[in-house]
């Protein structure tokens, strides 16, 4: 843990991917920099744990989305992290009889046609909630809504069509064998970070910016704020003078909820590696399951939106209990003895995140640019929610931090 200096040129608030990206971009600038992190670790919403003797689990982000454009791919190679380029199991590799291939084909056709309607509707620049573009009476609508909870962290009635259309996805998705969170933590090991240092107030009323933290006061000429939108929206971190435009923008870009669970799997060789398991449940309140990721003896489950919130609110362990019940309903009651809870995320109950990743509420897609805009040439903003096209991703966050660092340097040159 770095000691907390009384003054630096640039303070970066948050040691997630965005804050670490900003700090790296400033490393050779000649400016003194300090990253302030409320947690006792690096990475923010990226976090890898050893969930079992043979199970590495990304509690947060796990996929290098748009890997052909993802800046963490090159970073992984530089740091000696192995990249796994196997196809994800989302569309292929179905296992079991709970979702027969003919039904899967029909569902994927309905899903693709839904997104085609979204894309077409967005061309006129008028925003709307995405759920109005569901085909009336289509039997797959609840499952299309479920997919939104994994992708956007929310149901379609809370998702802006302009925001959905703005997201860029090259459909190339890779993974980090040792964990995405482990990669981001290794990336952050090269910059100065003060851990267990929660920021409470950013006072930009004077000549220099004063940041009040749980470890004391630090002053800076420039500040880069990279915290999740829910912390700004709830004014957990306050600004003086107040910044109502930033608070309003953050409230239009709330963090949705996507949670994960990993279950130890006895007799793993009885199931295929990298399989996909889900049922044709015809409801939004459902999980989807990844069988034996990297060949590990486990099953990972994914839940999102209001259903994930209900499971979190039911208490620690509720996600695992539901996952086991649902998997058993697909594979038979004899399978219950083969599953054992290892770990689960509860991101909405995490005090330093309060959610998973941002989505724009209908009518608020323009708020990403509002949140990203500098204030008075002294306050700068980064984070996945400020990325115009790669929001909700770790590399979008990292790149936004680099962008904010460039803005700091440009302001100093002026």
Protein backbone atom coordinates (compact mmCIF):
# COMPACT_ATOMS: atom_id res chain seq x y z
CA UNK A 1 0.00 0.00 0.00
CA UNK A 2 1.36 3.41 -0.97
CA UNK A 3 1.47 6.11 1.68
CA UNK A 4 -0.88 9.02 1.13
CA UNK A 5 0.97 12.19 0.12
CA UNK A 6 -0.42 15.57 1.02
CA UNK A 7 -0.17 16.89 -2.52
CA UNK A 8 0.26 15.59 -6.08
CA UNK A 9 -0.20 16.92 -9.57
CA UNK A 10 -2.95 14.44 -10.51
CA UNK A 11 -5.20 12.33 -8.31
CA UNK A 12 -7.07 9.41 -9.86
CA UNK A 13 -10.09 8.20 -7.93
CA UNK A 14 -10.70 4.48 -8.35
CA UNK A 15 -8.30 1.63 -9.11
CA UNK A 16 -10.53 -0.24 -11.52
CA UNK A 17 -9.65 -0.62 -15.17
CA UNK A 18 -10.38 3.06 -15.89
CA UNK A 19 -8.27 4.45 -13.06
CA UNK A 20 -5.38 2.13 -13.85
CA UNK A 21 -5.59 3.07 -17.52
CA UNK A 22 -5.38 6.75 -16.59
CA UNK A 23 -2.44 6.19 -14.25
CA UNK A 24 -0.53 4.22 -16.87
CA UNK A 25 -1.09 6.94 -19.45
CA UNK A 26 0.40 9.50 -17.04
CA UNK A 27 3.41 7.40 -15.97
CA UNK A 28 5.96 9.05 -18.25
CA UNK A 29 4.43 12.54 -18.21
CA UNK A 30 6.64 13.88 -15.43
CA UNK A 31 3.56 14.53 -13.30
CA UNK A 32 3.22 13.12 -9.80
CA UNK A 33 0.18 10.85 -9.69
CA UNK A 34 -1.67 8.92 -6.99
CA UNK A 35 -4.58 6.51 -7.42
CA UNK A 36 -7.01 6.39 -4.49
CA UNK A 37 -8.92 3.13 -4.02
CA UNK A 38 -11.58 2.44 -1.40
CA UNK A 39 -11.14 -1.34 -1.58
CA UNK A 40 -8.27 -3.37 -0.20
CA UNK A 41 -7.44 -4.62 -3.70
CA UNK A 42 -7.03 -3.47 -7.30
CA UNK A 43 -9.46 -4.08 -10.13
CA UNK A 44 -12.83 -2.74 -9.02
CA UNK A 45 -15.51 -4.79 -10.74
CA UNK A 46 -12.82 -7.10 -12.13
CA UNK A 47 -11.86 -9.68 -9.51
CA UNK A 48 -10.44 -13.19 -9.82
CA UNK A 49 -10.42 -15.65 -6.94
CA UNK A 50 -9.31 -19.23 -6.38
CA UNK A 51 -12.78 -20.58 -5.67
CA UNK A 52 -11.64 -24.19 -5.27
CA UNK A 53 -8.46 -26.25 -5.56
CA UNK A 54 -8.95 -26.56 -9.32
CA UNK A 55 -11.32 -23.67 -10.00
CA UNK A 56 -10.32 -20.12 -10.93
CA UNK A 57 -13.38 -17.85 -10.89
CA UNK A 58 -13.83 -14.37 -12.31
CA UNK A 59 -16.31 -12.89 -9.86
CA UNK A 60 -16.65 -9.89 -12.16
CA UNK A 61 -15.89 -9.48 -15.86
CA UNK A 62 -14.57 -12.61 -17.53
CA UNK A 63 -14.59 -12.11 -21.31
CA UNK A 64 -12.33 -10.07 -23.56
CA UNK A 65 -15.24 -8.74 -25.62
CA UNK A 66 -14.45 -7.44 -29.12
CA UNK A 67 -11.09 -9.07 -28.62
CA UNK A 68 -9.73 -7.91 -31.97
CA UNK A 69 -10.10 -4.33 -30.69
CA UNK A 70 -9.62 -4.96 -26.98
CA UNK A 71 -6.62 -3.13 -25.52
CA UNK A 72 -6.24 -5.73 -22.76
CA UNK A 73 -5.26 -8.38 -25.31
CA UNK A 74 -1.92 -6.67 -25.95
CA UNK A 75 -1.49 -5.97 -22.26
CA UNK A 76 -2.08 -9.66 -21.47
CA UNK A 77 0.58 -10.65 -23.97
CA UNK A 78 3.05 -8.15 -22.51
CA UNK A 79 2.44 -9.45 -18.99
CA UNK A 80 2.65 -13.11 -19.97
CA UNK A 81 -1.03 -14.00 -19.50
CA UNK A 82 -2.32 -16.82 -21.70
CA UNK A 83 -5.23 -15.88 -23.98
CA UNK A 84 -7.83 -18.55 -24.69
CA UNK A 85 -9.38 -18.09 -28.13
CA UNK A 86 -11.97 -20.88 -28.01
CA UNK A 87 -15.45 -19.93 -29.15
CA UNK A 88 -17.79 -18.98 -26.29
CA UNK A 89 -20.59 -21.46 -25.61
CA UNK A 90 -23.46 -19.00 -26.00
CA UNK A 91 -24.83 -20.09 -29.37
CA UNK A 92 -23.23 -23.48 -29.81
CA UNK A 93 -22.38 -26.45 -27.59
CA UNK A 94 -25.84 -26.98 -26.15
CA UNK A 95 -26.00 -29.81 -23.64
CA UNK A 96 -28.98 -31.82 -22.48
CA UNK A 97 -32.56 -32.06 -23.65
CA UNK A 98 -33.98 -29.06 -21.81
CA UNK A 99 -33.54 -26.83 -24.86
CA UNK A 100 -33.74 -28.95 -28.05
CA UNK A 101 -31.86 -27.75 -31.11
CA UNK A 102 -35.01 -26.92 -33.08
CA UNK A 103 -36.16 -24.65 -30.24
CA UNK A 104 -32.71 -23.08 -30.00
CA UNK A 105 -32.76 -22.30 -33.71
CA UNK A 106 -36.21 -20.73 -33.44
CA UNK A 107 -35.14 -18.70 -30.42
CA UNK A 108 -31.96 -17.43 -32.06
CA UNK A 109 -33.94 -16.39 -35.15
CA UNK A 110 -36.39 -14.45 -32.97
CA UNK A 111 -33.49 -12.85 -31.06
CA UNK A 112 -31.68 -11.78 -34.23
CA UNK A 113 -34.86 -10.35 -35.74
CA UNK A 114 -35.49 -8.40 -32.54
CA UNK A 115 -32.07 -6.77 -32.71
CA UNK A 116 -32.59 -6.03 -36.41
CA UNK A 117 -35.74 -4.10 -35.48
CA UNK A 118 -33.82 -2.21 -32.81
CA UNK A 119 -31.10 -1.26 -35.29
CA UNK A 120 -33.61 -0.07 -37.85
CA UNK A 121 -35.63 1.92 -35.32
CA UNK A 122 -32.53 3.67 -33.99
CA UNK A 123 -31.68 5.17 -37.36
CA UNK A 124 -34.10 8.08 -36.92
CA UNK A 125 -32.33 9.13 -33.71
CA UNK A 126 -35.45 8.93 -31.54
CA UNK A 127 -35.04 7.01 -28.33
CA UNK A 128 -37.45 4.47 -26.87
CA UNK A 129 -37.45 1.53 -24.47
CA UNK A 130 -36.29 -1.62 -26.21
CA UNK A 131 -39.22 -3.77 -25.08
CA UNK A 132 -41.62 -2.08 -27.50
CA UNK A 133 -39.73 -3.76 -30.36
CA UNK A 134 -40.56 -7.25 -29.17
CA UNK A 135 -42.86 -8.95 -31.67
CA UNK A 136 -46.33 -9.08 -30.08
CA UNK A 137 -47.24 -12.59 -29.07
CA UNK A 138 -43.84 -14.12 -29.86
CA UNK A 139 -43.37 -17.04 -27.51
CA UNK A 140 -39.65 -16.29 -27.11
CA UNK A 141 -40.15 -12.75 -25.77
CA UNK A 142 -39.50 -13.67 -22.10
CA UNK A 143 -36.21 -15.35 -23.03
CA UNK A 144 -35.19 -12.40 -25.20
CA UNK A 145 -35.81 -10.26 -22.13
CA UNK A 146 -33.65 -12.67 -20.10
CA UNK A 147 -30.79 -12.25 -22.57
CA UNK A 148 -31.02 -8.49 -22.01
CA UNK A 149 -30.49 -9.01 -18.29
CA UNK A 150 -27.15 -10.72 -19.02
CA UNK A 151 -26.08 -8.22 -21.70
CA UNK A 152 -27.42 -4.95 -20.27
CA UNK A 153 -27.90 -5.87 -16.63
CA UNK A 154 -31.55 -4.88 -16.95
CA UNK A 155 -34.80 -5.88 -18.63
CA UNK A 156 -35.69 -4.37 -21.98
CA UNK A 157 -38.15 -1.84 -20.54
CA UNK A 158 -35.16 -0.14 -18.87
CA UNK A 159 -32.86 -0.20 -21.93
CA UNK A 160 -32.47 2.63 -24.46
CA UNK A 161 -32.54 1.57 -28.10
CA UNK A 162 -30.06 4.31 -29.01
CA UNK A 163 -27.66 3.02 -26.37
CA UNK A 164 -28.05 -0.58 -27.56
CA UNK A 165 -27.43 0.52 -31.12
CA UNK A 166 -24.33 2.53 -30.14
CA UNK A 167 -22.60 -0.47 -28.59
CA UNK A 168 -19.94 -1.99 -30.84
CA UNK A 169 -19.47 -5.74 -30.75
CA UNK A 170 -17.20 -7.54 -33.20
CA UNK A 171 -18.47 -10.93 -31.95
CA UNK A 172 -14.92 -12.00 -31.10
CA UNK A 173 -14.76 -13.01 -27.45
CA UNK A 174 -11.67 -14.47 -25.79
CA UNK A 175 -10.71 -15.21 -22.21
CA UNK A 176 -7.74 -14.97 -19.88
CA UNK A 177 -6.80 -18.38 -18.53
CA UNK A 178 -5.59 -17.00 -15.17
CA UNK A 179 -8.56 -14.64 -14.92
CA UNK A 180 -9.45 -11.21 -16.28
CA UNK A 181 -9.40 -9.79 -12.77
CA UNK A 182 -5.93 -11.22 -12.21
CA UNK A 183 -4.75 -9.56 -15.43
CA UNK A 184 -6.12 -6.16 -14.42
CA UNK A 185 -4.60 -6.46 -10.95
CA UNK A 186 -1.20 -7.26 -12.50
CA UNK A 187 -1.59 -4.27 -14.82
CA UNK A 188 -2.23 -2.06 -11.78
CA UNK A 189 0.79 -3.32 -9.85
CA UNK A 190 2.96 -0.91 -11.86
CA UNK A 191 1.32 2.33 -10.69
CA UNK A 192 1.12 4.09 -7.27
CA UNK A 193 -2.13 3.20 -5.47
CA UNK A 194 -3.35 4.01 -1.97
CA UNK A 195 -5.71 1.20 -0.90
CA UNK A 196 -8.40 1.40 1.79
CA UNK A 197 -8.71 5.05 0.89
CA UNK A 198 -12.39 5.92 0.37
CA UNK A 199 -13.06 9.37 -1.10
CA UNK A 200 -15.87 11.31 0.55
CA UNK A 201 -15.64 14.84 -0.86
CA UNK A 202 -14.05 16.53 -3.87
CA UNK A 203 -13.77 20.24 -3.08
CA UNK A 204 -12.95 22.19 -6.22
CA UNK A 205 -13.86 25.60 -4.82
CA UNK A 206 -10.27 26.77 -4.34
CA UNK A 207 -7.18 27.16 -6.46
CA UNK A 208 -6.32 23.50 -5.97
CA UNK A 209 -8.68 20.57 -5.61
CA UNK A 210 -8.94 19.15 -2.09
CA UNK A 211 -9.98 15.50 -1.78
CA UNK A 212 -11.23 14.34 1.62
CA UNK A 213 -10.62 10.62 2.14
CA UNK A 214 -10.83 8.06 4.93
CA UNK A 215 -7.05 8.42 5.24
CA UNK A 216 -6.84 12.20 5.25
CA UNK A 217 -6.74 15.14 2.84
CA UNK A 218 -4.85 15.18 -0.44
CA UNK A 219 -4.59 18.17 -2.77
CA UNK A 220 -4.13 18.05 -6.55
CA UNK A 221 -4.13 20.30 -9.57
CA UNK A 222 -6.17 17.81 -11.60
CA UNK A 223 -8.51 14.98 -10.60
CA UNK A 224 -9.72 12.05 -12.69
CA UNK A 225 -12.92 10.50 -11.31
CA UNK A 226 -13.50 6.90 -12.39
CA UNK A 227 -16.01 5.59 -9.82
CA UNK A 228 -19.19 3.69 -10.78
CA UNK A 229 -22.19 5.83 -11.71
CA UNK A 230 -24.27 4.66 -8.75
CA UNK A 231 -21.78 6.24 -6.33
CA UNK A 232 -22.11 9.58 -8.14
CA UNK A 233 -25.89 9.27 -8.48
CA UNK A 234 -26.31 8.48 -4.77
CA UNK A 235 -23.82 11.25 -3.90
CA UNK A 236 -21.74 8.82 -1.88
CA UNK A 237 -18.90 10.94 -3.23
CA UNK A 238 -19.90 14.61 -3.04
CA UNK A 239 -18.65 17.56 -5.04
CA UNK A 240 -18.29 21.09 -3.67
CA UNK A 241 -19.50 23.16 -5.43
CA UNK A 242 -22.15 20.62 -6.40
CA UNK A 243 -22.26 19.23 -9.92
CA UNK A 244 -25.97 18.57 -10.55
CA UNK A 245 -25.35 17.89 -14.24
CA UNK A 246 -23.00 15.02 -13.40
CA UNK A 247 -25.38 13.60 -10.80
CA UNK A 248 -28.25 13.77 -13.30
CA UNK A 249 -26.13 12.09 -15.99
CA UNK A 250 -25.12 9.32 -13.59
CA UNK A 251 -28.75 8.73 -12.65
CA UNK A 252 -29.56 8.27 -16.33
CA UNK A 253 -26.78 5.66 -16.57
CA UNK A 254 -27.46 3.36 -13.60
CA UNK A 255 -25.53 0.18 -13.02
CA UNK A 256 -27.60 -2.80 -13.98
CA UNK A 257 -27.08 -6.10 -12.25
CA UNK A 258 -25.43 -9.26 -13.55
CA UNK A 259 -24.34 -11.87 -11.03
CA UNK A 260 -22.35 -15.09 -11.31
CA UNK A 261 -22.02 -18.28 -9.32
CA UNK A 262 -19.61 -21.18 -9.55
CA UNK A 263 -20.48 -24.69 -8.39
CA UNK A 264 -18.01 -27.51 -7.84
CA UNK A 265 -18.82 -30.48 -10.08
CA UNK A 266 -18.15 -34.03 -8.97
CA UNK A 267 -17.44 -36.56 -11.74
CA UNK A 268 -16.74 -33.75 -14.23
CA UNK A 269 -15.72 -36.07 -17.09
CA UNK A 270 -19.36 -37.08 -17.42
CA UNK A 271 -20.08 -33.62 -18.88
CA UNK A 272 -18.51 -31.91 -21.90
CA UNK A 273 -15.97 -29.13 -21.58
CA UNK A 274 -17.21 -25.64 -22.47
CA UNK A 275 -20.85 -26.70 -22.73
CA UNK A 276 -23.92 -24.52 -22.51
CA UNK A 277 -26.94 -25.44 -20.43
CA UNK A 278 -30.26 -23.67 -20.22
CA UNK A 279 -33.89 -24.56 -20.64
CA UNK A 280 -36.66 -23.35 -22.91
CA UNK A 281 -38.25 -21.94 -19.78
CA UNK A 282 -40.35 -19.22 -21.44
CA UNK A 283 -39.68 -16.83 -18.58
CA UNK A 284 -37.32 -13.97 -17.92
CA UNK A 285 -36.43 -15.23 -14.42
CA UNK A 286 -33.87 -17.79 -15.51
CA UNK A 287 -30.19 -18.57 -15.38
CA UNK A 288 -27.82 -19.72 -18.09
CA UNK A 289 -24.97 -22.10 -17.31
CA UNK A 290 -21.45 -22.63 -18.61
CA UNK A 291 -20.31 -26.21 -18.13
CA UNK A 292 -16.65 -26.80 -17.28
CA UNK A 293 -15.08 -23.49 -18.38
CA UNK A 294 -11.43 -24.14 -19.33
CA UNK A 295 -12.20 -27.78 -18.58
CA UNK A 296 -12.40 -27.02 -14.85
CA UNK A 297 -14.54 -29.24 -12.56
CA UNK A 298 -17.29 -26.67 -12.14
CA UNK A 299 -20.40 -25.08 -13.62
CA UNK A 300 -20.76 -21.29 -13.78
CA UNK A 301 -24.19 -19.70 -13.66
CA UNK A 302 -25.27 -16.24 -14.82
CA UNK A 303 -28.24 -14.16 -13.64
CA UNK A 304 -29.27 -10.60 -14.37
CA UNK A 305 -31.73 -7.79 -13.86
CA UNK A 306 -34.57 -7.85 -11.35
CA UNK A 307 -34.28 -11.60 -10.85
CA UNK A 308 -30.63 -11.29 -9.83
CA UNK A 309 -31.66 -8.55 -7.42
CA UNK A 310 -34.30 -10.81 -5.88
CA UNK A 311 -31.75 -13.58 -5.41
CA UNK A 312 -29.22 -11.20 -3.86
CA UNK A 313 -31.84 -9.79 -1.51
CA UNK A 314 -32.71 -13.33 -0.40
CA UNK A 315 -29.29 -13.52 1.24
CA UNK A 316 -25.84 -14.95 0.81
CA UNK A 317 -26.00 -18.34 -0.90
CA UNK A 318 -29.42 -17.87 -2.50
CA UNK A 319 -27.98 -17.66 -6.01
CA UNK A 320 -26.21 -21.00 -5.55
CA UNK A 321 -29.33 -22.66 -4.13
CA UNK A 322 -31.43 -21.52 -7.07
CA UNK A 323 -28.73 -22.56 -9.55
CA UNK A 324 -28.58 -26.08 -8.17
CA UNK A 325 -32.37 -26.40 -8.22
CA UNK A 326 -32.54 -25.20 -11.83
CA UNK A 327 -29.70 -27.44 -13.05
CA UNK A 328 -31.31 -30.42 -11.33
CA UNK A 329 -34.59 -29.64 -13.09
CA UNK A 330 -32.71 -29.99 -16.39
CA UNK A 331 -30.50 -32.98 -15.63
CA UNK A 332 -32.44 -34.98 -13.04
CA UNK A 333 -32.52 -35.18 -9.26
CA UNK A 334 -29.58 -37.60 -9.10
CA UNK A 335 -27.42 -34.70 -10.24
CA UNK A 336 -27.94 -32.76 -7.02
CA UNK A 337 -25.30 -34.73 -5.12
CA UNK A 338 -22.71 -33.76 -7.76
CA UNK A 339 -22.99 -30.00 -7.15
CA UNK A 340 -21.51 -27.96 -4.32
CA UNK A 341 -21.53 -24.15 -3.96
CA UNK A 342 -18.11 -22.50 -4.17
CA UNK A 343 -18.59 -18.77 -4.67
CA UNK A 344 -21.07 -16.21 -5.96
CA UNK A 345 -21.10 -12.49 -6.67
CA UNK A 346 -23.48 -10.02 -5.04
CA UNK A 347 -22.60 -6.82 -6.87
CA UNK A 348 -25.59 -4.73 -5.85
CA UNK A 349 -24.63 -5.30 -2.20
CA UNK A 350 -21.03 -4.31 -2.85
CA UNK A 351 -20.73 -0.84 -1.25
CA UNK A 352 -18.09 0.32 -3.73
CA UNK A 353 -20.04 -0.72 -6.86
CA UNK A 354 -23.76 -1.08 -6.08
CA UNK A 355 -24.26 -2.84 -9.40
CA UNK A 356 -22.43 -4.45 -12.29
CA UNK A 357 -22.21 -2.20 -15.36
CA UNK A 358 -24.05 0.77 -16.80
CA UNK A 359 -26.97 0.93 -19.16
CA UNK A 360 -28.70 4.06 -20.42
CA UNK A 361 -32.31 4.48 -19.43
CA UNK A 362 -34.62 5.31 -22.34
CA UNK A 363 -34.12 8.94 -23.24
CA UNK A 364 -30.69 9.12 -21.59
CA UNK A 365 -28.30 7.68 -24.17
CA UNK A 366 -26.71 11.13 -24.59
CA UNK A 367 -25.71 11.16 -20.91
CA UNK A 368 -22.51 9.17 -21.60
CA UNK A 369 -21.01 12.22 -23.30
CA UNK A 370 -22.34 14.50 -20.53
CA UNK A 371 -20.73 12.35 -17.83
CA UNK A 372 -17.42 12.23 -19.73
CA UNK A 373 -17.07 16.00 -20.21
CA UNK A 374 -14.35 17.76 -18.12
CA UNK A 375 -15.29 20.46 -15.60
CA UNK A 376 -13.29 23.71 -15.40
CA UNK A 377 -10.19 22.06 -16.83
CA UNK A 378 -9.56 20.45 -13.43
CA UNK A 379 -12.06 17.61 -13.01
CA UNK A 380 -12.04 14.81 -15.56
CA UNK A 381 -14.25 11.75 -15.78
CA UNK A 382 -13.66 8.19 -16.96
CA UNK A 383 -15.13 4.73 -16.47
CA UNK A 384 -17.03 2.27 -18.62
CA UNK A 385 -20.15 4.46 -18.43
CA UNK A 386 -18.30 7.26 -20.26
CA UNK A 387 -17.24 5.05 -23.19
CA UNK A 388 -19.31 5.93 -26.27
CA UNK A 389 -19.20 2.47 -27.87
CA UNK A 390 -17.56 -0.02 -25.44
CA UNK A 391 -19.52 0.79 -22.27
CA UNK A 392 -20.12 -2.13 -19.87
CA UNK A 393 -16.67 -3.58 -20.67
CA UNK A 394 -13.32 -3.53 -18.90
CA UNK A 395 -11.45 -2.42 -22.01
CA UNK A 396 -13.98 0.38 -22.57
CA UNK A 397 -13.21 1.51 -19.02
CA UNK A 398 -9.43 1.27 -19.49
CA UNK A 399 -9.55 3.20 -22.77
CA UNK A 400 -11.69 5.91 -21.18
CA UNK A 401 -9.06 6.35 -18.47
CA UNK A 402 -6.43 6.83 -21.13
CA UNK A 403 -8.68 9.38 -22.84
CA UNK A 404 -9.11 11.32 -19.57
CA UNK A 405 -5.33 11.33 -19.06
CA UNK A 406 -4.89 12.84 -22.52
CA UNK A 407 -7.42 15.53 -21.58
CA UNK A 408 -5.40 16.31 -18.45
CA UNK A 409 -2.22 16.70 -20.48
CA UNK A 410 -3.97 18.87 -23.05
CA UNK A 411 -5.32 21.12 -20.29
CA UNK A 412 -1.85 21.51 -18.81
CA UNK A 413 -0.39 22.45 -22.19
CA UNK A 414 -2.96 25.24 -22.46
